Amino acid sequence: MRGAEHASTDPFSLVGRFAVVTGGTKGLGEAIVEALCERGCRVFRARERARTSRVISRASGQRITYASTAVAPWYIATPLAKQVLKNETYRRAVVDRTPAGRVGEPPEVGAVAAFLVAPASSYVTGVVIPIDGGFTAHGFIPPKL
């Protein structure tokens, strides 16, 4: 979500920005919240998108605009993914199909989400951004066990 006012002329600053993050208490949501807060964004962790958006709009006193973007992470080292990747054969297959040669880290997802909130991304909309270490370069064919 992007606020109507920009408190900084830095195109990557999130100072003065406001975001609602659903599922922001653990895993990737938590990494996104941390990345936004570190860059000066005010963040509201939400459970229900529609209801909380209305509440935030009233509370912030700002016109709320939505950026129709999404991130599509491949395997990211969250507690949930780590459980699946305990199977060494499967983990190796995941890493072998990933040109970066590794599993991603939660802050890498947070950094992309922070960019999407920043003024620098104001013309980025209607896309899904893969955060996959190049995995989709192979086509979306998951590894076999």
Protein backbone atom coordinates (compact mmCIF):
# COMPACT_ATOMS: atom_id res chain seq x y z
CA MET A 1 0.00 0.00 0.00
CA ARG A 2 1.28 3.44 -0.79
CA GLY A 3 0.39 6.58 1.13
CA ALA A 4 -0.46 9.76 -0.70
CA GLU A 5 2.29 11.80 0.94
CA HIS A 6 6.03 11.32 0.57
CA ALA A 7 8.10 12.51 3.55
CA SER A 8 11.40 12.09 1.70
CA THR A 9 12.76 12.88 -1.74
CA ASP A 10 14.82 9.66 -1.65
CA PRO A 11 13.04 7.30 -4.08
CA PHE A 12 13.91 4.33 -1.85
CA SER A 13 12.93 5.88 1.50
CA LEU A 14 9.90 4.47 3.28
CA VAL A 15 9.69 7.35 5.77
CA GLY A 16 6.11 8.62 5.68
CA ARG A 17 4.85 5.43 4.05
CA PHE A 18 2.27 3.15 5.61
CA ALA A 19 1.73 -0.55 4.91
CA VAL A 20 -0.69 -3.25 5.97
CA VAL A 21 1.00 -6.66 6.06
CA THR A 22 -1.18 -9.73 6.36
CA GLY A 23 0.40 -12.72 8.03
CA GLY A 24 3.14 -10.53 9.46
CA THR A 25 3.83 -12.40 12.68
CA LYS A 26 6.07 -15.19 11.42
CA GLY A 27 7.94 -16.51 8.41
CA LEU A 28 7.99 -14.35 5.30
CA GLY A 29 5.39 -11.92 6.66
CA GLU A 30 7.62 -11.22 9.64
CA ALA A 31 10.62 -10.67 7.34
CA ILE A 32 8.58 -8.20 5.30
CA VAL A 33 7.48 -6.30 8.43
CA GLU A 34 11.09 -6.11 9.63
CA ALA A 35 12.37 -4.84 6.27
CA LEU A 36 9.67 -2.17 6.07
CA CYS A 37 10.21 -0.97 9.65
CA GLU A 38 14.00 -0.84 9.24
CA ARG A 39 13.48 1.54 6.33
CA GLY A 40 11.13 3.86 8.23
CA CYS A 41 7.72 2.56 7.12
CA ARG A 42 4.82 2.48 9.57
CA VAL A 43 3.41 -1.04 9.50
CA PHE A 44 0.16 -2.57 10.66
CA ARG A 45 0.10 -6.36 10.98
CA ALA A 46 -3.32 -7.52 9.85
CA ARG A 47 -5.38 -10.67 9.95
CA GLU A 48 -8.26 -9.59 7.72
CA ARG A 49 -7.39 -7.52 4.64
CA ALA A 50 -10.66 -5.76 3.85
CA ARG A 51 -11.61 -4.78 7.38
CA THR A 52 -8.14 -3.64 8.41
CA SER A 53 -7.66 -1.60 5.24
CA ARG A 54 -10.73 0.47 6.10
CA VAL A 55 -9.57 0.92 9.69
CA ILE A 56 -6.08 1.95 8.60
CA SER A 57 -7.44 4.37 6.04
CA ARG A 58 -9.46 6.14 8.73
CA ALA A 59 -6.66 6.01 11.30
CA SER A 60 -3.93 7.31 9.01
CA GLY A 61 -6.02 10.12 7.56
CA GLN A 62 -4.43 9.44 4.19
CA ARG A 63 -5.86 8.41 0.88
CA ILE A 64 -4.92 4.78 0.46
CA THR A 65 -3.76 3.52 -2.91
CA TYR A 66 -3.04 -0.08 -3.72
CA ALA A 67 -0.16 -1.43 -5.72
CA SER A 68 -1.29 -4.53 -7.56
CA THR A 69 1.98 -6.37 -7.25
CA ALA A 70 2.93 -9.64 -5.68
CA VAL A 71 6.06 -11.54 -4.84
CA ALA A 72 6.44 -15.22 -5.63
CA PRO A 73 9.18 -16.77 -3.54
CA TRP A 74 10.62 -20.21 -4.19
CA TYR A 75 12.13 -22.02 -1.20
CA ILE A 76 12.98 -19.48 1.49
CA ALA A 77 14.63 -20.52 4.78
CA THR A 78 11.57 -20.10 6.99
CA PRO A 79 10.75 -22.52 9.81
CA LEU A 80 8.09 -24.16 7.62
CA ALA A 81 10.41 -24.62 4.63
CA LYS A 82 13.20 -25.89 6.86
CA GLN A 83 10.93 -28.74 7.94
CA VAL A 84 10.43 -29.81 4.32
CA LEU A 85 14.11 -29.34 3.50
CA LYS A 86 15.20 -31.68 6.30
CA ASN A 87 14.90 -34.39 3.68
CA GLU A 88 18.45 -34.09 2.28
CA THR A 89 17.56 -35.69 -1.06
CA TYR A 90 14.76 -33.19 -1.60
CA ARG A 91 16.88 -30.24 -0.37
CA ARG A 92 19.62 -31.18 -2.82
CA ALA A 93 17.06 -31.40 -5.65
CA VAL A 94 15.71 -27.93 -4.75
CA VAL A 95 19.19 -26.41 -4.67
CA ASP A 96 20.21 -28.15 -7.91
CA ARG A 97 17.17 -26.66 -9.72
CA THR A 98 17.98 -23.19 -8.40
CA PRO A 99 20.64 -21.38 -10.48
CA ALA A 100 21.69 -19.36 -7.41
CA GLY A 101 22.67 -22.71 -5.88
CA ARG A 102 21.00 -22.15 -2.53
CA VAL A 103 17.74 -21.60 -0.67
CA GLY A 104 16.72 -17.95 -0.26
CA GLU A 105 16.73 -16.02 3.01
CA PRO A 106 13.71 -14.18 4.47
CA PRO A 107 15.42 -10.74 4.36
CA GLU A 108 15.73 -11.14 0.58
CA VAL A 109 11.94 -11.31 0.31
CA GLY A 110 11.61 -8.39 2.73
CA ALA A 111 13.93 -6.24 0.61
CA VAL A 112 11.83 -6.79 -2.53
CA ALA A 113 8.63 -6.03 -0.61
CA ALA A 114 10.24 -2.84 0.74
CA PHE A 115 11.10 -1.78 -2.81
CA LEU A 116 7.48 -2.31 -3.85
CA VAL A 117 6.34 0.08 -1.10
CA ALA A 118 8.98 2.71 -1.98
CA PRO A 119 8.31 5.66 -4.30
CA ALA A 120 10.92 4.18 -6.68
CA SER A 121 8.41 1.46 -7.61
CA SER A 122 5.51 3.82 -8.32
CA TYR A 123 5.26 2.63 -11.94
CA VAL A 124 5.57 -1.06 -11.06
CA THR A 125 2.10 -2.57 -10.96
CA GLY A 126 0.21 -5.59 -12.19
CA VAL A 127 3.17 -7.95 -11.98
CA VAL A 128 4.31 -10.92 -9.96
CA ILE A 129 7.98 -10.67 -9.04
CA PRO A 130 9.74 -14.02 -8.61
CA ILE A 131 12.17 -14.24 -5.71
CA ASP A 132 13.51 -17.60 -6.68
CA GLY A 133 17.25 -17.53 -7.33
CA GLY A 134 16.50 -18.08 -11.03
CA PHE A 135 14.30 -21.16 -10.51
CA THR A 136 11.66 -20.04 -13.02
CA ALA A 137 14.34 -19.92 -15.71
CA HIS A 138 13.91 -23.72 -15.83
CA GLY A 139 10.13 -23.47 -16.08
CA PHE A 140 8.01 -24.25 -13.08
CA ILE A 141 8.88 -27.91 -12.69
CA PRO A 142 9.39 -28.84 -9.04
CA PRO A 143 12.16 -31.29 -8.22
CA LYS A 144 11.32 -34.97 -7.96
CA LEU A 145 12.24 -37.16 -5.04
